[in-house]
Protein backbone atom coordinates (compact mmCIF):
# COMPACT_ATOMS: atom_id res chain seq x y z
CA MET A 1 0.00 0.00 0.00
CA LYS A 2 1.34 3.42 -0.97
CA LYS A 3 2.26 5.55 2.01
CA ARG A 4 1.55 9.22 2.43
CA SER A 5 4.20 11.85 2.97
CA ALA A 6 4.58 14.01 6.08
CA GLU A 7 3.01 16.92 4.21
CA ASP A 8 -0.19 14.88 3.83
CA LEU A 9 -0.71 14.49 7.56
CA ARG A 10 -3.80 16.21 8.88
CA SER A 11 -1.87 17.51 11.91
CA GLN A 12 0.39 19.48 9.60
CA ARG A 13 -2.49 21.89 9.07
CA TRP A 14 -1.94 22.92 12.69
CA PHE A 15 1.83 22.60 12.93
CA GLY A 16 3.43 22.60 9.50
CA ALA A 17 2.82 26.03 7.98
CA ASP A 18 4.97 29.15 8.24
CA THR A 19 2.09 31.24 9.61
CA LEU A 20 1.28 33.02 12.83
CA LYS A 21 -1.41 30.50 13.71
CA ALA A 22 0.93 27.52 13.19
CA PHE A 23 3.61 29.36 15.18
CA MET A 24 1.18 29.69 18.07
CA HIS A 25 0.23 26.00 17.86
CA ARG A 26 3.89 24.92 17.96
CA GLN A 27 4.58 27.40 20.73
CA ARG A 28 1.89 25.91 22.97
CA MET A 29 3.16 22.38 22.46
CA GLN A 30 6.65 23.48 23.46
CA GLN A 31 5.16 25.26 26.46
CA VAL A 32 4.73 21.87 28.16
CA GLY A 33 8.22 20.66 27.30
CA HIS A 34 7.86 18.97 23.92
CA GLY A 35 10.57 19.58 21.35
CA ARG A 36 9.53 20.81 17.92
CA ASP A 37 10.91 17.71 16.23
CA GLU A 38 8.72 15.43 18.40
CA PHE A 39 5.46 16.46 16.78
CA VAL A 40 6.12 18.40 13.57
CA GLY A 41 5.95 16.08 10.57
CA ARG A 42 5.15 13.03 12.69
CA PRO A 43 1.79 11.18 12.90
CA ILE A 44 -0.04 12.43 15.97
CA VAL A 45 -2.04 9.70 17.65
CA ALA A 46 -4.93 10.50 19.96
CA ILE A 47 -5.28 7.96 22.77
CA LEU A 48 -8.92 8.37 23.72
CA ASN A 49 -9.19 7.07 27.27
CA THR A 50 -12.39 6.17 29.12
CA TRP A 51 -10.61 5.73 32.45
CA SER A 52 -12.63 6.89 35.45
CA GLY A 53 -12.45 6.61 39.21
CA LEU A 54 -16.01 5.25 39.11
CA SER A 55 -15.37 2.71 36.36
CA PRO A 56 -13.66 -0.33 37.94
CA CYS A 57 -13.66 -2.12 34.59
CA HIS A 58 -11.34 0.61 33.26
CA ALA A 59 -9.21 1.21 36.34
CA HIS A 60 -6.07 0.00 34.53
CA LEU A 61 -6.51 2.10 31.38
CA ARG A 62 -4.18 4.84 32.60
CA ASP A 63 -1.41 2.25 32.51
CA ARG A 64 -2.57 0.91 29.14
CA ALA A 65 -2.43 4.42 27.71
CA GLU A 66 1.28 4.42 28.60
CA SER A 67 1.71 1.04 26.90
CA VAL A 68 0.06 2.39 23.76
CA ALA A 69 2.22 5.52 23.88
CA ARG A 70 5.40 3.38 23.96
CA GLY A 71 4.32 1.68 20.77
CA VAL A 72 3.44 4.96 19.07
CA ILE A 73 6.83 6.48 19.92
CA ALA A 74 8.66 3.34 18.84
CA SER A 75 7.07 3.64 15.41
CA GLY A 76 7.89 7.31 15.03
CA GLY A 77 4.58 8.80 16.06
CA PHE A 78 3.62 11.31 18.73
CA PRO A 79 1.01 10.16 21.30
CA VAL A 80 -1.44 12.46 23.07
CA GLU A 81 -3.86 11.15 25.68
CA LEU A 82 -7.32 12.70 25.57
CA PRO A 83 -9.98 11.82 28.16
CA VAL A 84 -13.52 11.11 27.02
CA MET A 85 -16.67 10.19 28.92
CA SER A 86 -16.46 6.95 30.87
CA LEU A 87 -19.59 4.82 30.97
CA GLY A 88 -19.05 2.53 33.92
CA GLU A 89 -21.95 0.08 33.93
CA VAL A 90 -23.80 -0.27 37.25
CA MET A 91 -22.62 3.11 38.58
CA VAL A 92 -24.21 5.36 35.93
CA LYS A 93 -27.94 6.04 36.36
CA PRO A 94 -30.49 5.65 34.99
CA THR A 95 -28.44 3.75 32.44
CA THR A 96 -25.24 4.07 30.44
CA MET A 97 -27.35 3.54 27.34
CA LEU A 98 -28.74 7.04 27.82
CA TYR A 99 -25.18 8.35 27.38
CA ARG A 100 -23.80 6.04 24.68
CA ASN A 101 -24.67 8.62 22.04
CA MET A 102 -23.07 11.34 24.15
CA LEU A 103 -19.79 9.39 24.14
CA ALA A 104 -20.17 8.88 20.39
CA MET A 105 -20.63 12.62 19.88
CA GLU A 106 -17.69 13.43 22.13
CA THR A 107 -15.44 10.94 20.36
CA GLU A 108 -16.32 12.40 16.98
CA GLU A 109 -15.87 16.01 18.07
CA VAL A 110 -12.66 15.43 20.03
CA LEU A 111 -11.09 13.80 16.99
CA ARG A 112 -12.38 16.39 14.57
CA SER A 113 -11.40 19.44 16.60
CA HIS A 114 -7.84 18.46 17.58
CA PRO A 115 -4.60 18.19 15.58
CA VAL A 116 -4.57 14.38 15.39
CA ASP A 117 -4.09 11.98 12.50
CA GLY A 118 -5.52 8.81 13.99
CA ALA A 119 -6.72 7.31 17.23
CA ILE A 120 -6.45 4.44 19.66
CA LEU A 121 -9.76 3.93 21.45
CA LEU A 122 -9.38 2.59 25.00
CA GLY A 123 -12.63 1.13 26.29
CA GLY A 124 -14.41 -2.08 27.11
CA CYS A 125 -17.36 -1.71 29.47
CA ASP A 126 -20.66 -2.25 27.69
CA LYS A 127 -21.42 1.02 25.88
CA THR A 128 -17.87 2.38 25.55
CA GLY A 129 -17.01 0.11 22.63
CA PRO A 130 -19.98 0.87 20.40
CA GLY A 131 -20.05 4.54 21.46
CA MET A 132 -16.39 5.10 20.58
CA ILE A 133 -16.66 3.17 17.31
CA MET A 134 -19.75 5.13 16.28
CA GLY A 135 -17.92 8.42 16.89
CA ALA A 136 -14.66 7.32 15.30
CA VAL A 137 -16.42 6.01 12.20
CA SER A 138 -18.17 9.36 11.85
CA ALA A 139 -14.88 11.24 12.29
CA GLY A 140 -13.33 9.11 9.57
CA LEU A 141 -9.74 8.99 10.85
CA PRO A 142 -7.63 5.81 11.06
CA CYS A 143 -8.40 4.12 14.35
CA MET A 144 -8.03 0.95 16.41
CA PHE A 145 -10.01 -0.20 19.41
CA VAL A 146 -7.99 -1.59 22.33
CA PRO A 147 -10.33 -3.51 24.65
CA ALA A 148 -9.99 -3.26 28.42
CA GLY A 149 -10.08 -7.05 28.81
CA PRO A 150 -12.08 -9.21 31.23
CA MET A 151 -11.44 -9.61 34.95
CA ILE A 152 -9.90 -12.85 36.22
CA ASN A 153 -11.92 -15.87 37.35
CA ALA A 154 -13.47 -16.19 40.78
CA THR A 155 -14.79 -19.18 42.68
CA TRP A 156 -17.14 -19.82 45.58
CA ARG A 157 -17.41 -23.14 47.35
CA GLY A 158 -15.37 -24.78 44.63
CA GLU A 159 -17.41 -23.52 41.67
CA LYS A 160 -16.63 -20.80 39.16
CA ILE A 161 -18.74 -17.70 39.57
CA GLY A 162 -19.34 -15.06 36.97
CA ALA A 163 -19.78 -11.33 37.52
CA GLY A 164 -23.38 -10.32 36.90
CA THR A 165 -24.65 -13.81 36.18
CA HIS A 166 -24.17 -15.11 39.70
CA SER A 167 -25.04 -11.75 41.22
CA LYS A 168 -28.53 -12.20 39.82
CA GLN A 169 -28.66 -15.90 40.61
CA TYR A 170 -27.52 -15.57 44.21
CA TRP A 171 -29.75 -12.55 44.79
CA GLU A 172 -32.76 -14.71 43.97
CA GLU A 173 -31.47 -17.43 46.30
CA TYR A 174 -30.90 -14.82 49.01
CA ARG A 175 -34.46 -13.58 48.59
CA ALA A 176 -35.68 -17.18 48.67
CA GLY A 177 -33.79 -17.76 51.92
CA THR A 178 -31.51 -20.50 50.61
CA ILE A 179 -28.30 -18.56 51.35
CA THR A 180 -27.52 -16.52 54.44
CA GLN A 181 -26.59 -12.88 54.86
CA LYS A 182 -23.10 -14.01 55.81
CA ASP A 183 -22.85 -15.86 52.50
CA TRP A 184 -24.17 -12.80 50.70
CA ILE A 185 -21.48 -10.56 52.20
CA LYS A 186 -18.74 -13.04 51.26
CA LEU A 187 -20.02 -13.08 47.69
CA GLU A 188 -20.05 -9.28 47.59
CA THR A 189 -16.39 -9.22 48.59
CA GLY A 190 -15.09 -12.07 46.47
CA MET A 191 -17.05 -12.23 43.23
CA THR A 192 -15.05 -9.63 41.28
CA ARG A 193 -11.35 -10.40 41.79
CA SER A 194 -9.59 -7.83 39.60
CA VAL A 195 -9.98 -4.86 37.32
CA GLY A 196 -11.48 -5.56 33.92
CA THR A 197 -14.88 -6.11 32.39
CA CYS A 198 -17.36 -8.82 33.41
CA ASN A 199 -15.85 -12.26 32.94
CA VAL A 200 -18.94 -13.82 31.36
CA MET A 201 -20.34 -13.43 27.84
CA GLY A 202 -22.06 -10.23 28.86
CA THR A 203 -22.43 -7.09 26.78
CA ALA A 204 -18.84 -5.95 27.36
CA SER A 205 -17.32 -9.19 26.04
CA THR A 206 -19.95 -9.40 23.31
CA MET A 207 -19.16 -5.97 21.94
CA THR A 208 -15.37 -6.19 22.21
CA LEU A 209 -15.58 -9.51 20.33
CA ALA A 210 -17.92 -7.95 17.77
CA ILE A 211 -15.48 -5.06 17.21
CA GLU A 212 -12.67 -7.59 16.81
CA ALA A 213 -14.73 -9.50 14.22
CA LEU A 214 -15.42 -6.20 12.43
CA GLY A 215 -11.67 -5.90 11.91
CA LEU A 216 -11.14 -2.84 14.12
CA SER A 217 -9.19 -4.52 16.98
CA PRO A 218 -6.06 -6.68 17.04
CA MET A 219 -7.07 -10.29 16.42
CA GLY A 220 -7.39 -12.17 19.71
CA ALA A 221 -7.32 -9.00 21.82
CA ALA A 222 -10.83 -9.02 23.28
CA SER A 223 -10.40 -12.05 25.53
CA ILE A 224 -6.96 -11.26 27.01
CA PRO A 225 -7.47 -10.88 30.79
CA ALA A 226 -7.03 -7.28 31.87
CA VAL A 227 -4.20 -8.07 34.31
CA ASP A 228 -2.32 -10.47 32.01
CA ALA A 229 1.09 -9.22 30.85
CA ASP A 230 0.06 -10.00 27.30
CA HIS A 231 -2.57 -7.27 27.60
CA GLN A 232 0.18 -4.67 27.95
CA ARG A 233 2.05 -6.13 25.00
CA MET A 234 -1.12 -6.06 22.90
CA ALA A 235 -1.63 -2.38 23.73
CA THR A 236 1.94 -1.54 22.77
CA ALA A 237 1.61 -3.45 19.50
CA ALA A 238 -1.57 -1.51 18.75
CA GLY A 239 0.35 1.73 19.33
CA ARG A 240 2.89 0.61 16.76
CA ARG A 241 0.26 -0.44 14.24
CA ILE A 242 -1.83 2.74 14.37
CA VAL A 243 1.14 4.72 13.07
CA ASP A 244 1.27 2.44 10.02
CA LEU A 245 -2.47 2.85 9.49
CA ILE A 246 -2.04 6.63 9.50
CA TRP A 247 0.72 6.53 6.90
CA GLU A 248 -1.46 4.19 4.83
CA ASP A 249 -4.51 6.44 5.32
CA CYS A 250 -6.40 3.30 6.30
CA THR A 251 -9.65 4.75 7.62
CA PRO A 252 -12.65 2.78 8.91
CA ALA A 253 -14.34 3.36 5.55
CA LYS A 254 -11.60 1.26 3.90
CA ILE A 255 -12.07 -1.61 6.37
CA LEU A 256 -15.78 -1.76 7.09
CA SER A 257 -18.41 -3.18 4.76
CA ARG A 258 -21.84 -4.70 5.13
CA GLU A 259 -20.04 -8.06 5.08
CA SER A 260 -17.91 -6.96 8.06
CA PHE A 261 -21.04 -6.39 10.11
CA LEU A 262 -22.50 -9.72 9.06
CA ASN A 263 -19.24 -11.32 10.22
CA ALA A 264 -19.68 -9.64 13.60
CA ILE A 265 -23.18 -11.09 13.95
CA VAL A 266 -21.90 -14.57 13.03
CA ALA A 267 -19.15 -14.23 15.63
CA ILE A 268 -21.39 -13.27 18.50
CA ALA A 269 -24.00 -15.84 17.51
CA GLY A 270 -21.35 -18.54 17.83
CA CYS A 271 -20.20 -17.04 21.13
CA GLY A 272 -23.69 -16.71 22.61
CA GLY A 273 -23.47 -12.94 22.92
CA SER A 274 -25.72 -10.40 24.58
CA THR A 275 -29.03 -9.31 23.06
CA ASN A 276 -27.74 -5.73 23.40
CA ALA A 277 -25.61 -6.38 20.32
CA ALA A 278 -28.75 -6.14 18.20
CA ILE A 279 -28.96 -2.43 19.05
CA HIS A 280 -25.25 -1.58 18.99
CA ILE A 281 -24.30 -3.35 15.75
CA ILE A 282 -27.23 -1.77 13.92
CA ALA A 283 -26.16 1.67 15.23
CA MET A 284 -22.49 1.17 14.25
CA ALA A 285 -23.48 -0.08 10.79
CA ARG A 286 -25.76 2.87 10.14
CA ARG A 287 -22.94 5.25 11.10
CA ALA A 288 -20.80 3.53 8.46
CA GLY A 289 -23.58 3.81 5.88
CA PHE A 290 -24.69 0.17 5.83
CA SER A 291 -28.10 -1.34 6.44
CA ILE A 292 -28.16 -4.05 9.09
CA THR A 293 -31.57 -5.06 10.45
CA LEU A 294 -33.13 -7.42 12.98
CA ALA A 295 -33.84 -9.75 10.08
CA ASP A 296 -30.08 -10.22 9.65
CA PHE A 297 -29.76 -11.23 13.31
CA ASP A 298 -32.59 -13.73 13.08
CA ALA A 299 -31.38 -15.24 9.79
CA ILE A 300 -27.85 -15.72 11.11
CA GLY A 301 -29.14 -16.97 14.46
CA ARG A 302 -31.04 -19.75 12.68
CA LYS A 303 -27.82 -21.00 11.03
CA ILE A 304 -25.16 -20.62 13.72
CA PRO A 305 -25.16 -22.93 16.76
CA LEU A 306 -23.70 -21.94 20.10
CA LEU A 307 -20.06 -23.04 20.16
CA VAL A 308 -18.70 -21.23 23.23
CA ASN A 309 -19.41 -22.81 26.59
CA LEU A 310 -19.49 -19.62 28.67
CA MET A 311 -21.82 -18.20 31.28
CA PRO A 312 -24.64 -17.25 31.23
CA ALA A 313 -25.44 -19.92 28.62
CA GLY A 314 -22.62 -22.27 29.66
CA GLU A 315 -20.14 -23.17 32.38
CA HIS A 316 -16.86 -21.31 31.82
CA LEU A 317 -15.50 -17.75 32.00
CA MET A 318 -13.61 -15.37 29.72
CA ALA A 319 -10.11 -16.33 30.89
CA ASP A 320 -10.95 -19.94 30.03
CA PHE A 321 -12.17 -18.77 26.63
CA HIS A 322 -8.95 -16.88 25.99
CA PHE A 323 -6.68 -19.81 26.75
CA ALA A 324 -8.95 -22.08 24.70
CA GLY A 325 -8.17 -20.03 21.59
CA GLY A 326 -10.40 -16.97 21.87
CA LEU A 327 -12.33 -15.47 18.99
CA PRO A 328 -9.84 -16.50 16.26
CA ALA A 329 -10.51 -20.16 17.09
CA VAL A 330 -14.28 -19.63 16.99
CA LEU A 331 -14.07 -17.80 13.67
CA ASN A 332 -11.91 -20.51 12.18
CA GLU A 333 -14.56 -23.05 13.16
CA LEU A 334 -17.21 -20.81 11.52
CA ARG A 335 -15.15 -19.86 8.47
CA ASP A 336 -17.67 -21.34 6.01
CA HIS A 337 -20.24 -18.82 7.32
CA LEU A 338 -17.94 -15.78 7.13
CA HIS A 339 -16.98 -13.28 4.48
CA LEU A 340 -13.28 -14.06 4.67
CA GLU A 341 -12.27 -11.31 2.24
CA ALA A 342 -13.22 -8.61 4.76
CA LEU A 343 -10.26 -6.46 5.82
CA THR A 344 -8.81 -5.98 9.31
CA VAL A 345 -6.58 -3.36 10.93
CA SER A 346 -3.72 -5.87 10.77
CA GLY A 347 -3.62 -5.34 7.01
CA GLN A 348 -4.72 -8.93 6.47
CA THR A 349 -8.06 -10.24 5.37
CA LEU A 350 -10.12 -11.90 8.05
CA GLY A 351 -9.50 -15.25 6.40
CA SER A 352 -5.73 -14.84 6.58
CA ALA A 353 -5.85 -13.53 10.16
CA ILE A 354 -7.64 -16.65 11.47
CA ALA A 355 -6.10 -19.26 9.19
CA ASP A 356 -3.79 -20.75 11.83
CA ALA A 357 -6.08 -20.36 14.84
CA GLU A 358 -6.49 -23.44 17.02
CA ALA A 359 -8.84 -24.44 19.83
CA PRO A 360 -6.82 -26.54 22.31
CA ASP A 361 -9.69 -26.90 24.82
CA ARG A 362 -12.84 -28.28 23.23
CA ALA A 363 -14.67 -28.18 26.54
CA VAL A 364 -14.79 -24.39 26.11
CA ILE A 365 -14.86 -23.94 22.32
CA ARG A 366 -16.86 -26.67 20.63
CA THR A 367 -16.98 -27.78 17.01
CA LEU A 368 -19.93 -27.35 14.67
CA ASP A 369 -20.63 -31.06 15.14
CA THR A 370 -20.64 -30.83 18.96
CA PRO A 371 -22.23 -27.46 19.83
CA VAL A 372 -23.16 -26.34 23.32
CA SER A 373 -26.70 -25.81 22.04
CA THR A 374 -28.52 -25.88 18.73
CA LEU A 375 -30.82 -23.15 19.99
CA PRO A 376 -29.95 -19.75 18.51
CA ALA A 377 -28.17 -17.12 20.54
CA TYR A 378 -30.56 -14.56 19.06
CA ALA A 379 -34.10 -14.75 17.79
CA VAL A 380 -36.45 -12.02 16.63
CA VAL A 381 -40.15 -12.40 17.33
CA ARG A 382 -42.92 -10.31 15.81
CA GLY A 383 -46.68 -10.08 16.07
CA ASN A 384 -49.41 -7.69 17.11
CA LEU A 385 -47.56 -7.08 20.39
CA ALA A 386 -44.26 -6.28 18.65
CA PRO A 387 -44.96 -5.16 15.06
CA ASP A 388 -41.42 -3.86 14.62
CA GLY A 389 -39.84 -6.80 16.40
CA ALA A 390 -38.52 -7.90 19.77
CA VAL A 391 -35.49 -10.01 20.66
CA ILE A 392 -34.94 -13.04 22.85
CA LYS A 393 -31.88 -15.10 23.77
CA PRO A 394 -33.06 -18.72 23.55
CA THR A 395 -29.74 -20.15 24.76
CA ALA A 396 -30.22 -18.39 28.11
CA ALA A 397 -33.93 -19.22 28.40
CA THR A 398 -35.84 -22.19 29.80
CA ALA A 399 -36.62 -24.45 26.86
CA ARG A 400 -40.18 -25.32 27.89
CA LEU A 401 -41.10 -21.61 28.09
CA LEU A 402 -40.12 -20.90 24.50
CA GLN A 403 -43.61 -22.08 23.55
CA HIS A 404 -45.90 -20.55 26.16
CA ARG A 405 -49.33 -19.07 26.64
CA GLY A 406 -50.36 -17.28 29.83
CA PRO A 407 -52.18 -14.31 31.40
CA ALA A 408 -50.44 -10.96 31.62
CA LEU A 409 -49.50 -9.22 34.84
CA VAL A 410 -48.66 -5.64 33.91
CA PHE A 411 -46.31 -3.21 35.64
CA GLU A 412 -46.52 0.39 34.47
CA ASN A 413 -42.89 1.16 35.29
CA PRO A 414 -40.02 -0.09 37.50
CA THR A 415 -41.36 1.72 40.56
CA ASP A 416 -44.70 -0.04 40.20
CA MET A 417 -42.87 -3.34 39.75
CA THR A 418 -40.64 -2.82 42.80
CA ASN A 419 -43.61 -1.88 44.98
CA ARG A 420 -45.71 -4.90 44.05
CA ILE A 421 -43.48 -7.79 42.95
CA ASP A 422 -43.10 -9.26 46.44
CA ASP A 423 -46.63 -8.53 47.65
CA PRO A 424 -47.96 -11.80 49.13
CA ALA A 425 -51.36 -10.96 47.66
CA LEU A 426 -50.00 -10.61 44.12
CA GLU A 427 -52.11 -12.72 41.78
CA VAL A 428 -49.35 -14.61 39.97
CA THR A 429 -48.51 -18.19 39.06
CA GLU A 430 -45.58 -19.70 37.17
CA ASP A 431 -47.74 -19.52 34.01
CA THR A 432 -48.21 -15.76 34.34
CA VAL A 433 -46.46 -13.52 31.80
CA LEU A 434 -44.82 -10.57 33.54
CA VAL A 435 -45.04 -7.38 31.48
CA LEU A 436 -43.03 -4.20 32.13
CA ARG A 437 -43.68 -1.13 30.01
CA ASN A 438 -42.47 2.47 29.77
CA ALA A 439 -38.87 1.28 29.94
CA GLY A 440 -37.78 1.88 26.34
CA PRO A 441 -35.59 4.57 24.75
CA LEU A 442 -38.05 7.34 25.66
CA GLY A 443 -39.90 5.70 28.51
CA GLY A 444 -36.85 4.76 30.58
CA PRO A 445 -35.41 7.13 29.61
CA GLY A 446 -32.50 5.54 27.76
CA MET A 447 -33.83 1.96 27.70
CA PRO A 448 -32.30 0.68 30.97
CA GLU A 449 -31.49 -2.95 31.67
CA TRP A 450 -34.75 -3.64 33.47
CA GLY A 451 -35.91 -6.45 31.18
CA ASN A 452 -34.79 -9.28 33.45
CA LEU A 453 -37.71 -8.68 35.78
CA PRO A 454 -37.29 -10.10 39.29
CA MET A 455 -39.13 -13.27 40.14
CA PRO A 456 -42.03 -12.79 42.59
CA LYS A 457 -40.90 -13.82 46.05
CA ARG A 458 -43.84 -16.16 46.56
CA LEU A 459 -42.82 -18.12 43.45
CA LEU A 460 -39.17 -18.23 44.50
CA ALA A 461 -40.29 -19.86 47.73
CA LYS A 462 -41.99 -22.56 45.66
CA GLY A 463 -38.80 -23.25 43.69
CA VAL A 464 -39.76 -21.36 40.51
CA ARG A 465 -36.72 -19.73 38.93
CA ASP A 466 -37.95 -18.60 35.51
CA MET A 467 -41.08 -17.38 33.77
CA VAL A 468 -41.85 -15.47 30.58
CA ARG A 469 -41.07 -11.78 30.98
CA ILE A 470 -41.77 -9.13 28.33
CA SER A 471 -40.68 -5.50 28.17
CA ASP A 472 -39.54 -2.64 25.97
CA ALA A 473 -36.37 -2.50 28.09
CA ARG A 474 -33.00 -4.18 27.60
CA MET A 475 -31.42 -6.94 29.69
CA SER A 476 -27.87 -7.21 30.94
CA GLY A 477 -25.88 -9.61 28.82
CA THR A 478 -24.71 -11.26 32.02
CA HIS A 479 -28.28 -12.29 32.89
CA TYR A 480 -30.43 -15.24 31.86
CA GLY A 481 -34.08 -16.20 31.67
CA THR A 482 -36.98 -16.32 29.21
CA CYS A 483 -37.06 -12.59 28.61
CA VAL A 484 -38.52 -10.95 25.51
CA LEU A 485 -36.82 -7.59 25.12
CA HIS A 486 -36.69 -4.41 23.01
CA VAL A 487 -40.41 -4.65 22.17
CA ALA A 488 -40.98 -2.08 19.43
CA PRO A 489 -42.58 0.33 19.08
CA GLU A 490 -42.15 1.06 22.79
CA ALA A 491 -45.07 1.79 25.08
CA ALA A 492 -44.12 5.44 25.66
CA ILE A 493 -44.90 6.30 22.02
CA GLY A 494 -48.09 4.27 21.92
CA GLY A 495 -46.79 0.86 20.87
CA PRO A 496 -49.13 -2.11 21.49
CA LEU A 497 -47.33 -2.85 24.76
CA ALA A 498 -49.09 0.25 26.14
CA LEU A 499 -52.47 -1.41 25.59
CA VAL A 500 -51.93 -4.67 27.49
CA GLN A 501 -54.13 -5.22 30.54
CA ASP A 502 -53.91 -7.67 33.43
CA GLY A 503 -55.36 -11.01 32.43
CA ASP A 504 -54.86 -10.59 28.68
CA ILE A 505 -53.53 -13.81 27.18
CA ILE A 506 -50.09 -13.54 25.60
CA GLU A 507 -48.55 -16.25 23.46
CA LEU A 508 -44.84 -16.69 22.73
CA SER A 509 -43.72 -19.13 20.05
CA LEU A 510 -40.02 -19.31 19.30
CA GLU A 511 -40.55 -21.82 16.52
CA GLU A 512 -42.96 -19.47 14.73
CA ARG A 513 -40.99 -16.38 15.81
CA ARG A 514 -44.23 -14.94 17.10
CA LEU A 515 -45.32 -12.78 20.04
CA SER A 516 -49.08 -12.36 20.13
CA LEU A 517 -51.56 -10.53 22.31
CA LEU A 518 -54.74 -12.58 22.04
CA VAL A 519 -57.09 -9.63 22.11
CA SER A 520 -59.33 -8.59 19.22
CA GLU A 521 -58.33 -5.68 17.00
CA GLU A 522 -61.62 -4.01 17.86
CA GLU A 523 -60.83 -4.10 21.58
CA LEU A 524 -57.31 -2.84 20.97
CA ALA A 525 -58.71 0.03 18.92
CA ARG A 526 -61.00 0.98 21.82
CA ARG A 527 -58.06 0.93 24.23
CA ARG A 528 -55.93 2.96 21.84
CA LYS A 529 -58.49 5.76 21.79
CA LYS A 530 -58.29 6.00 25.59
CA TRP A 531 -54.48 5.84 25.76
CA LYS A 532 -52.62 8.94 26.86
CA ALA A 533 -48.90 9.48 26.35
CA PRO A 534 -46.88 9.59 29.58
CA ALA A 535 -45.37 12.85 30.70
CA PRO A 536 -41.96 13.63 29.12
CA THR A 537 -39.04 12.17 31.03
CA ALA A 538 -36.68 15.08 30.31
CA SER A 539 -37.02 18.86 30.23
CA ARG A 540 -33.50 20.15 29.67
CA GLY A 541 -29.92 19.46 28.62
CA TYR A 542 -28.64 16.33 26.99
CA SER A 543 -31.61 14.26 28.17
CA LYS A 544 -33.96 16.58 26.28
CA LEU A 545 -31.80 16.26 23.16
CA PHE A 546 -31.93 12.50 23.58
CA ALA A 547 -35.73 12.48 23.88
CA GLU A 548 -36.16 14.63 20.79
CA HIS A 549 -33.85 12.69 18.49
CA VAL A 550 -33.34 9.08 19.63
CA THR A 551 -34.55 6.36 17.27
CA GLN A 552 -36.27 3.14 18.30
CA ALA A 553 -34.45 -0.09 19.18
CA PRO A 554 -34.66 -1.73 15.70
CA GLU A 555 -32.92 1.38 14.32
CA GLY A 556 -30.08 1.31 16.85
CA CYS A 557 -31.25 4.01 19.31
CA ASP A 558 -28.87 6.49 17.66
CA PHE A 559 -29.71 10.13 17.07
CA ASP A 560 -31.53 10.69 13.80
CA PHE A 561 -29.17 13.53 12.83
CA LEU A 562 -26.00 11.43 13.23
CA GLU A 563 -26.73 8.50 10.95
CA GLY A 564 -25.12 8.04 7.57
CA ALA A 565 -21.65 7.48 6.18
CA GLY A 566 -18.80 8.92 8.23
CA GLY A 567 -15.91 11.20 7.35
CA VAL A 568 -17.13 14.64 8.34
CA LYS A 569 -15.14 17.61 7.08
CA ASP A 570 -12.65 19.36 9.34
CA PHE A 571 -13.19 22.77 10.77
CA ILE A 572 -11.45 25.54 8.88
CA ILE A 573 -8.26 26.72 10.55
CA TYR A 574 -7.99 30.47 10.16
């Protein structure tokens, strides 16, 4: 590939001219001790860092920024670390999803407004990956995503425990009285043993693997444990490689294609990824100018069995996955379902990058002939309750509930649910279908992870651990259960979910990909006439912007004014 000259570098517009403005730019850089020859005529690499004191998953990213910087300098570039919004899952309320688009906007504007030629994106926790990729694709500069990596394994009473997955599981046992408060405190202290993202196939791992399959991360990077020495080496190697990508002018537009996004869906289907990927991949694809829809997820889900034996759909954790071969091994097993000609940031095609990948531990990474499950990781159901679609993760559900008919028990919002779910007088049986509404992009606001509704305490006491649950919310990728999610249109804008009443019969059929409210159209029309939109959830600031411009779940929940092919023009430098 032909390389550019120093005069072609974007940063030269700030530093290269013999003008007063360029003089002032160079002067300010030297003000903090940099020599002129360090940055003039060299590729300037922005290290966008989502480190935060309230983001334990990213607590090591200050150190990783230094590792990246070493690689940049070794390859003749000039690194600059730029902080961007950190979206630490759990800590951010009402949900990090509300702020994913804010991180995307910040990423785009930070890159566009500064004298940089390319970027390393340091992130990992759920929304940081898709948010940074969305912004970087729109900015159109060469970039690489360096994932934070998963935390190390933990055990309790001789069994592996996964962050998020067992939190939910043990909470239900605690509520049921099968574990003590002393046990609960020990679990609180010992379940998360190191920095890094959740060590199950939650949304963080799903999205870092998806970005790797897209070709925007070093191959094999997503599963390296955060505290492993190889994680530092990977970051340094990425710092070296980004300088080459800048000289080659290898932008995301030259790597990404519709086929790249289909590869990402294949990858996470084989890995049993989070249902949240259905929103994030659609949003990233639309930023790059490609159409990916729920139909693509369902079609691929029907063909790809679950190969990775990881919680919440399996037994193992991310460190086990890494040492069993990681994503390259999974992709090599799935190569007949991939577009192998797709490009990667390594400069290789995807086919070449995975050609020698091996899976030494078949207990963790199975073959196509011996899958963990033949149920799909993703399925899309439609019907009069979800005209625009809803998603379900069959591999994390109870098989017998995937064909189910039962009466609805409706909660207007999370507060209503919290106030009533454990009421001893609650009229509920294991056949009841729990319905939560007003939890979507507008209703939440931000579509929080409320879709894994808690089990009623009276049923827990009887040994019931799953039931059909339906909402316009999302569910944490670490969780499990027969949960129908992302129901669209959402209730807050008058979707059919807003019309459901207690006792209405709802039918779920995975085989037919159907979600039906067994109420006549005439009755629904009468209810629709009486329906009133809920009061707005936001009155000012970013939340108001979000409410005015966010799209629905099947469209990626991006802002309507940010979609389309990337590569925005630079500001004029006077």
